mmCIF file of all heavy atoms, coordinates in Angstrom:
data_MODEL
# 
_entry.id   MODEL 
# 
loop_
_atom_site.group_PDB 
_atom_site.id 
_atom_site.type_symbol 
_atom_site.label_atom_id 
_atom_site.label_alt_id 
_atom_site.label_comp_id 
_atom_site.label_asym_id 
_atom_site.label_entity_id 
_atom_site.label_seq_id 
_atom_site.pdbx_PDB_ins_code 
_atom_site.Cartn_x 
_atom_site.Cartn_y 
_atom_site.Cartn_z 
_atom_site.occupancy 
_atom_site.B_iso_or_equiv 
_atom_site.pdbx_formal_charge 
_atom_site.auth_seq_id 
_atom_site.auth_comp_id 
_atom_site.auth_asym_id 
_atom_site.auth_atom_id 
_atom_site.pdbx_PDB_model_num 
ATOM 1   N N   . ALA A 1 1  ? 266.499 139.663 -36.634 1.00 0.00 ? 1  ALA A N   1 
ATOM 2   C CA  . ALA A 1 1  ? 266.524 140.837 -35.763 1.00 0.00 ? 1  ALA A CA  1 
ATOM 3   C C   . ALA A 1 1  ? 265.184 141.060 -35.076 1.00 0.00 ? 1  ALA A C   1 
ATOM 4   O O   . ALA A 1 1  ? 265.121 141.710 -34.035 1.00 0.00 ? 1  ALA A O   1 
ATOM 5   C CB  . ALA A 1 1  ? 266.915 142.078 -36.555 1.00 0.00 ? 1  ALA A CB  1 
ATOM 6   N N   . GLY A 1 2  ? 264.115 140.503 -35.649 1.00 0.00 ? 2  GLY A N   1 
ATOM 7   C CA  . GLY A 1 2  ? 262.809 140.606 -35.015 1.00 0.00 ? 2  GLY A CA  1 
ATOM 8   C C   . GLY A 1 2  ? 261.738 141.135 -35.944 1.00 0.00 ? 2  GLY A C   1 
ATOM 9   O O   . GLY A 1 2  ? 262.004 141.957 -36.821 1.00 0.00 ? 2  GLY A O   1 
ATOM 10  N N   . THR A 1 3  ? 260.530 140.625 -35.757 1.00 0.00 ? 3  THR A N   1 
ATOM 11  C CA  . THR A 1 3  ? 259.359 141.077 -36.500 1.00 0.00 ? 3  THR A CA  1 
ATOM 12  C C   . THR A 1 3  ? 258.242 141.325 -35.492 1.00 0.00 ? 3  THR A C   1 
ATOM 13  O O   . THR A 1 3  ? 257.973 140.480 -34.649 1.00 0.00 ? 3  THR A O   1 
ATOM 14  C CB  . THR A 1 3  ? 258.916 140.028 -37.533 1.00 0.00 ? 3  THR A CB  1 
ATOM 15  O OG1 . THR A 1 3  ? 260.022 139.722 -38.393 1.00 0.00 ? 3  THR A OG1 1 
ATOM 16  C CG2 . THR A 1 3  ? 257.760 140.545 -38.372 1.00 0.00 ? 3  THR A CG2 1 
ATOM 17  N N   . SER A 1 4  ? 257.599 142.477 -35.565 1.00 0.00 ? 4  SER A N   1 
ATOM 18  C CA  . SER A 1 4  ? 256.626 142.875 -34.550 1.00 0.00 ? 4  SER A CA  1 
ATOM 19  C C   . SER A 1 4  ? 255.363 142.039 -34.581 1.00 0.00 ? 4  SER A C   1 
ATOM 20  O O   . SER A 1 4  ? 254.876 141.661 -35.649 1.00 0.00 ? 4  SER A O   1 
ATOM 21  C CB  . SER A 1 4  ? 256.252 144.342 -34.720 1.00 0.00 ? 4  SER A CB  1 
ATOM 22  O OG  . SER A 1 4  ? 257.303 145.175 -34.318 1.00 0.00 ? 4  SER A OG  1 
ATOM 23  N N   . PHE A 1 5  ? 254.828 141.799 -33.368 1.00 0.00 ? 5  PHE A N   1 
ATOM 24  C CA  . PHE A 1 5  ? 253.542 141.132 -33.211 1.00 0.00 ? 5  PHE A CA  1 
ATOM 25  C C   . PHE A 1 5  ? 252.446 142.090 -32.748 1.00 0.00 ? 5  PHE A C   1 
ATOM 26  O O   . PHE A 1 5  ? 251.292 141.761 -32.764 1.00 0.00 ? 5  PHE A O   1 
ATOM 27  C CB  . PHE A 1 5  ? 253.660 140.010 -32.171 1.00 0.00 ? 5  PHE A CB  1 
ATOM 28  C CG  . PHE A 1 5  ? 254.645 138.955 -32.538 1.00 0.00 ? 5  PHE A CG  1 
ATOM 29  C CD1 . PHE A 1 5  ? 255.766 138.733 -31.755 1.00 0.00 ? 5  PHE A CD1 1 
ATOM 30  C CD2 . PHE A 1 5  ? 254.469 138.185 -33.670 1.00 0.00 ? 5  PHE A CD2 1 
ATOM 31  C CE1 . PHE A 1 5  ? 256.675 137.748 -32.089 1.00 0.00 ? 5  PHE A CE1 1 
ATOM 32  C CE2 . PHE A 1 5  ? 255.378 137.199 -34.008 1.00 0.00 ? 5  PHE A CE2 1 
ATOM 33  C CZ  . PHE A 1 5  ? 256.478 136.976 -33.215 1.00 0.00 ? 5  PHE A CZ  1 
ATOM 34  N N   . GLY A 1 6  ? 252.813 143.280 -32.327 1.00 0.00 ? 6  GLY A N   1 
ATOM 35  C CA  . GLY A 1 6  ? 251.828 144.224 -31.814 1.00 0.00 ? 6  GLY A CA  1 
ATOM 36  C C   . GLY A 1 6  ? 252.368 144.932 -30.582 1.00 0.00 ? 6  GLY A C   1 
ATOM 37  O O   . GLY A 1 6  ? 252.569 146.135 -30.578 1.00 0.00 ? 6  GLY A O   1 
ATOM 38  N N   . TRP A 1 7  ? 252.643 144.164 -29.518 1.00 0.00 ? 7  TRP A N   1 
ATOM 39  C CA  . TRP A 1 7  ? 253.179 144.719 -28.281 1.00 0.00 ? 7  TRP A CA  1 
ATOM 40  C C   . TRP A 1 7  ? 254.537 145.362 -28.519 1.00 0.00 ? 7  TRP A C   1 
ATOM 41  O O   . TRP A 1 7  ? 254.898 146.351 -27.913 1.00 0.00 ? 7  TRP A O   1 
ATOM 42  C CB  . TRP A 1 7  ? 253.292 143.607 -27.247 1.00 0.00 ? 7  TRP A CB  1 
ATOM 43  C CG  . TRP A 1 7  ? 253.578 144.045 -25.841 1.00 0.00 ? 7  TRP A CG  1 
ATOM 44  C CD1 . TRP A 1 7  ? 252.693 144.568 -24.937 1.00 0.00 ? 7  TRP A CD1 1 
ATOM 45  C CD2 . TRP A 1 7  ? 254.836 143.956 -25.151 1.00 0.00 ? 7  TRP A CD2 1 
ATOM 46  N NE1 . TRP A 1 7  ? 253.322 144.806 -23.742 1.00 0.00 ? 7  TRP A NE1 1 
ATOM 47  C CE2 . TRP A 1 7  ? 254.634 144.448 -23.841 1.00 0.00 ? 7  TRP A CE2 1 
ATOM 48  C CE3 . TRP A 1 7  ? 256.111 143.521 -25.520 1.00 0.00 ? 7  TRP A CE3 1 
ATOM 49  C CZ2 . TRP A 1 7  ? 255.652 144.510 -22.892 1.00 0.00 ? 7  TRP A CZ2 1 
ATOM 50  C CZ3 . TRP A 1 7  ? 257.120 143.580 -24.581 1.00 0.00 ? 7  TRP A CZ3 1 
ATOM 51  C CH2 . TRP A 1 7  ? 256.891 144.064 -23.284 1.00 0.00 ? 7  TRP A CH2 1 
ATOM 52  N N   . THR A 1 8  ? 255.312 144.799 -29.450 1.00 0.00 ? 8  THR A N   1 
ATOM 53  C CA  . THR A 1 8  ? 256.664 145.293 -29.709 1.00 0.00 ? 8  THR A CA  1 
ATOM 54  C C   . THR A 1 8  ? 256.703 146.336 -30.817 1.00 0.00 ? 8  THR A C   1 
ATOM 55  O O   . THR A 1 8  ? 257.758 146.894 -31.094 1.00 0.00 ? 8  THR A O   1 
ATOM 56  C CB  . THR A 1 8  ? 257.578 144.124 -30.121 1.00 0.00 ? 8  THR A CB  1 
ATOM 57  O OG1 . THR A 1 8  ? 257.015 143.489 -31.275 1.00 0.00 ? 8  THR A OG1 1 
ATOM 58  C CG2 . THR A 1 8  ? 257.696 143.118 -29.000 1.00 0.00 ? 8  THR A CG2 1 
ATOM 59  N N   . SER A 1 9  ? 255.601 146.600 -31.468 1.00 0.00 ? 9  SER A N   1 
ATOM 60  C CA  . SER A 1 9  ? 255.587 147.437 -32.662 1.00 0.00 ? 9  SER A CA  1 
ATOM 61  C C   . SER A 1 9  ? 255.987 148.875 -32.357 1.00 0.00 ? 9  SER A C   1 
ATOM 62  O O   . SER A 1 9  ? 255.448 149.515 -31.465 1.00 0.00 ? 9  SER A O   1 
ATOM 63  C CB  . SER A 1 9  ? 254.189 147.427 -33.281 1.00 0.00 ? 9  SER A CB  1 
ATOM 64  O OG  . SER A 1 9  ? 254.175 148.185 -34.467 1.00 0.00 ? 9  SER A OG  1 
ATOM 65  N N   . GLY A 1 10 ? 256.954 149.365 -33.128 1.00 0.00 ? 10 GLY A N   1 
ATOM 66  C CA  . GLY A 1 10 ? 257.300 150.774 -33.098 1.00 0.00 ? 10 GLY A CA  1 
ATOM 67  C C   . GLY A 1 10 ? 258.319 151.201 -32.062 1.00 0.00 ? 10 GLY A C   1 
ATOM 68  O O   . GLY A 1 10 ? 258.799 152.331 -32.106 1.00 0.00 ? 10 GLY A O   1 
ATOM 69  N N   . TRP A 1 11 ? 258.684 150.334 -31.116 1.00 0.00 ? 11 TRP A N   1 
ATOM 70  C CA  . TRP A 1 11 ? 259.606 150.781 -30.078 1.00 0.00 ? 11 TRP A CA  1 
ATOM 71  C C   . TRP A 1 11 ? 260.668 149.756 -29.711 1.00 0.00 ? 11 TRP A C   1 
ATOM 72  O O   . TRP A 1 11 ? 261.711 150.099 -29.187 1.00 0.00 ? 11 TRP A O   1 
ATOM 73  C CB  . TRP A 1 11 ? 258.844 151.164 -28.800 1.00 0.00 ? 11 TRP A CB  1 
ATOM 74  C CG  . TRP A 1 11 ? 258.160 150.003 -28.135 1.00 0.00 ? 11 TRP A CG  1 
ATOM 75  C CD1 . TRP A 1 11 ? 256.934 149.518 -28.426 1.00 0.00 ? 11 TRP A CD1 1 
ATOM 76  C CD2 . TRP A 1 11 ? 258.678 149.170 -27.093 1.00 0.00 ? 11 TRP A CD2 1 
ATOM 77  N NE1 . TRP A 1 11 ? 256.638 148.431 -27.640 1.00 0.00 ? 11 TRP A NE1 1 
ATOM 78  C CE2 . TRP A 1 11 ? 257.692 148.201 -26.794 1.00 0.00 ? 11 TRP A CE2 1 
ATOM 79  C CE3 . TRP A 1 11 ? 259.863 149.150 -26.373 1.00 0.00 ? 11 TRP A CE3 1 
ATOM 80  C CZ2 . TRP A 1 11 ? 257.866 147.231 -25.830 1.00 0.00 ? 11 TRP A CZ2 1 
ATOM 81  C CZ3 . TRP A 1 11 ? 260.029 148.171 -25.399 1.00 0.00 ? 11 TRP A CZ3 1 
ATOM 82  C CH2 . TRP A 1 11 ? 259.045 147.236 -25.138 1.00 0.00 ? 11 TRP A CH2 1 
ATOM 83  N N   . PHE A 1 12 ? 260.425 148.484 -30.024 1.00 0.00 ? 12 PHE A N   1 
ATOM 84  C CA  . PHE A 1 12 ? 261.375 147.443 -29.619 1.00 0.00 ? 12 PHE A CA  1 
ATOM 85  C C   . PHE A 1 12 ? 262.448 147.278 -30.690 1.00 0.00 ? 12 PHE A C   1 
ATOM 86  O O   . PHE A 1 12 ? 262.150 147.218 -31.874 1.00 0.00 ? 12 PHE A O   1 
ATOM 87  C CB  . PHE A 1 12 ? 260.639 146.125 -29.397 1.00 0.00 ? 12 PHE A CB  1 
ATOM 88  C CG  . PHE A 1 12 ? 261.469 145.110 -28.660 1.00 0.00 ? 12 PHE A CG  1 
ATOM 89  C CD1 . PHE A 1 12 ? 261.384 145.006 -27.286 1.00 0.00 ? 12 PHE A CD1 1 
ATOM 90  C CD2 . PHE A 1 12 ? 262.346 144.277 -29.332 1.00 0.00 ? 12 PHE A CD2 1 
ATOM 91  C CE1 . PHE A 1 12 ? 262.153 144.084 -26.591 1.00 0.00 ? 12 PHE A CE1 1 
ATOM 92  C CE2 . PHE A 1 12 ? 263.111 143.349 -28.653 1.00 0.00 ? 12 PHE A CE2 1 
ATOM 93  C CZ  . PHE A 1 12 ? 263.018 143.254 -27.277 1.00 0.00 ? 12 PHE A CZ  1 
ATOM 94  N N   . GLY A 1 13 ? 263.695 147.181 -30.262 1.00 0.00 ? 13 GLY A N   1 
ATOM 95  C CA  . GLY A 1 13 ? 264.813 147.025 -31.196 1.00 0.00 ? 13 GLY A CA  1 
ATOM 96  C C   . GLY A 1 13 ? 265.080 145.569 -31.521 1.00 0.00 ? 13 GLY A C   1 
ATOM 97  O O   . GLY A 1 13 ? 264.166 144.757 -31.627 1.00 0.00 ? 13 GLY A O   1 
ATOM 98  N N   . VAL A 1 14 ? 266.346 145.224 -31.678 1.00 0.00 ? 14 VAL A N   1 
ATOM 99  C CA  . VAL A 1 14 ? 266.748 143.867 -32.041 1.00 0.00 ? 14 VAL A CA  1 
ATOM 100 C C   . VAL A 1 14 ? 266.444 142.922 -30.883 1.00 0.00 ? 14 VAL A C   1 
ATOM 101 O O   . VAL A 1 14 ? 266.754 143.207 -29.724 1.00 0.00 ? 14 VAL A O   1 
ATOM 102 C CB  . VAL A 1 14 ? 268.243 143.832 -32.403 1.00 0.00 ? 14 VAL A CB  1 
ATOM 103 C CG1 . VAL A 1 14 ? 268.708 142.402 -32.678 1.00 0.00 ? 14 VAL A CG1 1 
ATOM 104 C CG2 . VAL A 1 14 ? 268.506 144.723 -33.610 1.00 0.00 ? 14 VAL A CG2 1 
ATOM 105 N N   . ILE A 1 15 ? 265.827 141.790 -31.187 1.00 0.00 ? 15 ILE A N   1 
ATOM 106 C CA  . ILE A 1 15 ? 265.389 140.846 -30.169 1.00 0.00 ? 15 ILE A CA  1 
ATOM 107 C C   . ILE A 1 15 ? 266.514 139.895 -29.760 1.00 0.00 ? 15 ILE A C   1 
ATOM 108 O O   . ILE A 1 15 ? 267.601 139.891 -30.343 1.00 0.00 ? 15 ILE A O   1 
ATOM 109 C CB  . ILE A 1 15 ? 264.173 140.025 -30.663 1.00 0.00 ? 15 ILE A CB  1 
ATOM 110 C CG1 . ILE A 1 15 ? 264.561 139.143 -31.868 1.00 0.00 ? 15 ILE A CG1 1 
ATOM 111 C CG2 . ILE A 1 15 ? 263.009 140.934 -31.010 1.00 0.00 ? 15 ILE A CG2 1 
ATOM 112 C CD1 . ILE A 1 15 ? 263.467 138.169 -32.286 1.00 0.00 ? 15 ILE A CD1 1 
ATOM 113 N N   . TYR A 1 16 ? 266.228 139.097 -28.749 1.00 0.00 ? 16 TYR A N   1 
ATOM 114 C CA  . TYR A 1 16 ? 267.152 138.063 -28.293 1.00 0.00 ? 16 TYR A CA  1 
ATOM 115 C C   . TYR A 1 16 ? 266.883 136.771 -29.073 1.00 0.00 ? 16 TYR A C   1 
ATOM 116 O O   . TYR A 1 16 ? 265.724 136.433 -29.306 1.00 0.00 ? 16 TYR A O   1 
ATOM 117 C CB  . TYR A 1 16 ? 266.941 137.793 -26.793 1.00 0.00 ? 16 TYR A CB  1 
ATOM 118 C CG  . TYR A 1 16 ? 268.028 136.952 -26.187 1.00 0.00 ? 16 TYR A CG  1 
ATOM 119 C CD1 . TYR A 1 16 ? 269.170 137.534 -25.654 1.00 0.00 ? 16 TYR A CD1 1 
ATOM 120 C CD2 . TYR A 1 16 ? 267.937 135.575 -26.173 1.00 0.00 ? 16 TYR A CD2 1 
ATOM 121 C CE1 . TYR A 1 16 ? 270.185 136.757 -25.115 1.00 0.00 ? 16 TYR A CE1 1 
ATOM 122 C CE2 . TYR A 1 16 ? 268.950 134.794 -25.643 1.00 0.00 ? 16 TYR A CE2 1 
ATOM 123 C CZ  . TYR A 1 16 ? 270.066 135.390 -25.119 1.00 0.00 ? 16 TYR A CZ  1 
ATOM 124 O OH  . TYR A 1 16 ? 271.082 134.615 -24.596 1.00 0.00 ? 16 TYR A OH  1 
ATOM 125 N N   . PRO A 1 17 ? 267.908 136.044 -29.539 1.00 0.00 ? 17 PRO A N   1 
ATOM 126 C CA  . PRO A 1 17 ? 269.327 136.237 -29.256 1.00 0.00 ? 17 PRO A CA  1 
ATOM 127 C C   . PRO A 1 17 ? 270.090 137.008 -30.329 1.00 0.00 ? 17 PRO A C   1 
ATOM 128 O O   . PRO A 1 17 ? 271.321 137.020 -30.312 1.00 0.00 ? 17 PRO A O   1 
ATOM 129 C CB  . PRO A 1 17 ? 269.838 134.795 -29.191 1.00 0.00 ? 17 PRO A CB  1 
ATOM 130 C CG  . PRO A 1 17 ? 269.033 134.090 -30.240 1.00 0.00 ? 17 PRO A CG  1 
ATOM 131 C CD  . PRO A 1 17 ? 267.657 134.726 -30.182 1.00 0.00 ? 17 PRO A CD  1 
ATOM 132 N N   . ALA A 1 18 ? 269.370 137.641 -31.273 1.00 0.00 ? 18 ALA A N   1 
ATOM 133 C CA  . ALA A 1 18 ? 270.058 138.292 -32.388 1.00 0.00 ? 18 ALA A CA  1 
ATOM 134 C C   . ALA A 1 18 ? 271.005 139.391 -31.936 1.00 0.00 ? 18 ALA A C   1 
ATOM 135 O O   . ALA A 1 18 ? 271.974 139.700 -32.634 1.00 0.00 ? 18 ALA A O   1 
ATOM 136 C CB  . ALA A 1 18 ? 269.030 138.853 -33.376 1.00 0.00 ? 18 ALA A CB  1 
ATOM 137 N N   . TYR A 1 19 ? 270.765 139.974 -30.756 1.00 0.00 ? 19 TYR A N   1 
ATOM 138 C CA  . TYR A 1 19 ? 271.614 141.093 -30.360 1.00 0.00 ? 19 TYR A CA  1 
ATOM 139 C C   . TYR A 1 19 ? 272.926 140.683 -29.711 1.00 0.00 ? 19 TYR A C   1 
ATOM 140 O O   . TYR A 1 19 ? 273.781 141.528 -29.443 1.00 0.00 ? 19 TYR A O   1 
ATOM 141 C CB  . TYR A 1 19 ? 270.854 142.088 -29.479 1.00 0.00 ? 19 TYR A CB  1 
ATOM 142 C CG  . TYR A 1 19 ? 270.429 141.638 -28.100 1.00 0.00 ? 19 TYR A CG  1 
ATOM 143 C CD1 . TYR A 1 19 ? 271.348 141.310 -27.114 1.00 0.00 ? 19 TYR A CD1 1 
ATOM 144 C CD2 . TYR A 1 19 ? 269.081 141.610 -27.762 1.00 0.00 ? 19 TYR A CD2 1 
ATOM 145 C CE1 . TYR A 1 19 ? 270.950 140.944 -25.846 1.00 0.00 ? 19 TYR A CE1 1 
ATOM 146 C CE2 . TYR A 1 19 ? 268.661 141.250 -26.482 1.00 0.00 ? 19 TYR A CE2 1 
ATOM 147 C CZ  . TYR A 1 19 ? 269.606 140.916 -25.521 1.00 0.00 ? 19 TYR A CZ  1 
ATOM 148 O OH  . TYR A 1 19 ? 269.207 140.563 -24.254 1.00 0.00 ? 19 TYR A OH  1 
ATOM 149 N N   . ILE A 1 20 ? 273.136 139.404 -29.432 1.00 0.00 ? 20 ILE A N   1 
ATOM 150 C CA  . ILE A 1 20 ? 274.396 139.025 -28.788 1.00 0.00 ? 20 ILE A CA  1 
ATOM 151 C C   . ILE A 1 20 ? 275.523 138.972 -29.820 1.00 0.00 ? 20 ILE A C   1 
ATOM 152 O O   . ILE A 1 20 ? 275.299 138.786 -31.016 1.00 0.00 ? 20 ILE A O   1 
ATOM 153 C CB  . ILE A 1 20 ? 274.281 137.710 -27.996 1.00 0.00 ? 20 ILE A CB  1 
ATOM 154 C CG1 . ILE A 1 20 ? 274.086 136.513 -28.921 1.00 0.00 ? 20 ILE A CG1 1 
ATOM 155 C CG2 . ILE A 1 20 ? 273.157 137.784 -26.985 1.00 0.00 ? 20 ILE A CG2 1 
ATOM 156 C CD1 . ILE A 1 20 ? 274.071 135.198 -28.157 1.00 0.00 ? 20 ILE A CD1 1 
ATOM 157 N N   . SER A 1 21 ? 276.751 139.125 -29.363 1.00 0.00 ? 21 SER A N   1 
ATOM 158 C CA  . SER A 1 21 ? 277.882 139.375 -30.264 1.00 0.00 ? 21 SER A CA  1 
ATOM 159 C C   . SER A 1 21 ? 278.253 138.184 -31.142 1.00 0.00 ? 21 SER A C   1 
ATOM 160 O O   . SER A 1 21 ? 278.851 138.371 -32.209 1.00 0.00 ? 21 SER A O   1 
ATOM 161 C CB  . SER A 1 21 ? 279.105 139.813 -29.450 1.00 0.00 ? 21 SER A CB  1 
ATOM 162 O OG  . SER A 1 21 ? 279.496 138.801 -28.526 1.00 0.00 ? 21 SER A OG  1 
ATOM 163 N N   . GLN A 1 22 ? 277.921 136.981 -30.722 1.00 0.00 ? 22 GLN A N   1 
ATOM 164 C CA  . GLN A 1 22 ? 278.287 135.795 -31.509 1.00 0.00 ? 22 GLN A CA  1 
ATOM 165 C C   . GLN A 1 22 ? 277.372 135.578 -32.712 1.00 0.00 ? 22 GLN A C   1 
ATOM 166 O O   . GLN A 1 22 ? 277.605 134.673 -33.514 1.00 0.00 ? 22 GLN A O   1 
ATOM 167 C CB  . GLN A 1 22 ? 278.264 134.549 -30.618 1.00 0.00 ? 22 GLN A CB  1 
ATOM 168 C CG  . GLN A 1 22 ? 279.321 134.516 -29.543 1.00 0.00 ? 22 GLN A CG  1 
ATOM 169 C CD  . GLN A 1 22 ? 278.957 135.335 -28.318 1.00 0.00 ? 22 GLN A CD  1 
ATOM 170 O OE1 . GLN A 1 22 ? 277.828 135.815 -28.186 1.00 0.00 ? 22 GLN A OE1 1 
ATOM 171 N NE2 . GLN A 1 22 ? 279.898 135.497 -27.405 1.00 0.00 ? 22 GLN A NE2 1 
ATOM 172 N N   . VAL A 1 23 ? 276.346 136.407 -32.835 1.00 0.00 ? 23 VAL A N   1 
ATOM 173 C CA  . VAL A 1 23 ? 275.306 136.228 -33.844 1.00 0.00 ? 23 VAL A CA  1 
ATOM 174 C C   . VAL A 1 23 ? 275.336 137.370 -34.842 1.00 0.00 ? 23 VAL A C   1 
ATOM 175 O O   . VAL A 1 23 ? 275.614 138.518 -34.485 1.00 0.00 ? 23 VAL A O   1 
ATOM 176 C CB  . VAL A 1 23 ? 273.925 136.168 -33.148 1.00 0.00 ? 23 VAL A CB  1 
ATOM 177 C CG1 . VAL A 1 23 ? 272.794 136.369 -34.134 1.00 0.00 ? 23 VAL A CG1 1 
ATOM 178 C CG2 . VAL A 1 23 ? 273.770 134.849 -32.409 1.00 0.00 ? 23 VAL A CG2 1 
ATOM 179 N N   . ASN A 1 24 ? 275.044 137.070 -36.100 1.00 0.00 ? 24 ASN A N   1 
ATOM 180 C CA  . ASN A 1 24 ? 274.840 138.092 -37.124 1.00 0.00 ? 24 ASN A CA  1 
ATOM 181 C C   . ASN A 1 24 ? 273.346 138.338 -37.249 1.00 0.00 ? 24 ASN A C   1 
ATOM 182 O O   . ASN A 1 24 ? 272.593 137.466 -37.699 1.00 0.00 ? 24 ASN A O   1 
ATOM 183 C CB  . ASN A 1 24 ? 275.420 137.640 -38.461 1.00 0.00 ? 24 ASN A CB  1 
ATOM 184 C CG  . ASN A 1 24 ? 276.923 137.482 -38.394 1.00 0.00 ? 24 ASN A CG  1 
ATOM 185 O OD1 . ASN A 1 24 ? 277.652 138.457 -38.340 1.00 0.00 ? 24 ASN A OD1 1 
ATOM 186 N ND2 . ASN A 1 24 ? 277.384 136.239 -38.382 1.00 0.00 ? 24 ASN A ND2 1 
ATOM 187 N N   . ALA A 1 25 ? 272.909 139.521 -36.842 1.00 0.00 ? 25 ALA A N   1 
ATOM 188 C CA  . ALA A 1 25 ? 271.491 139.876 -36.876 1.00 0.00 ? 25 ALA A CA  1 
ATOM 189 C C   . ALA A 1 25 ? 271.119 140.397 -38.260 1.00 0.00 ? 25 ALA A C   1 
ATOM 190 O O   . ALA A 1 25 ? 271.816 141.246 -38.821 1.00 0.00 ? 25 ALA A O   1 
ATOM 191 C CB  . ALA A 1 25 ? 271.189 140.928 -35.819 1.00 0.00 ? 25 ALA A CB  1 
# 
């Protein structure tokens, strides 16, 4: 689903491609 590096910390949700329907995030 995603792990923050800094720029994404605190506001970014599930990353690509985990958010698409064919994938289990």
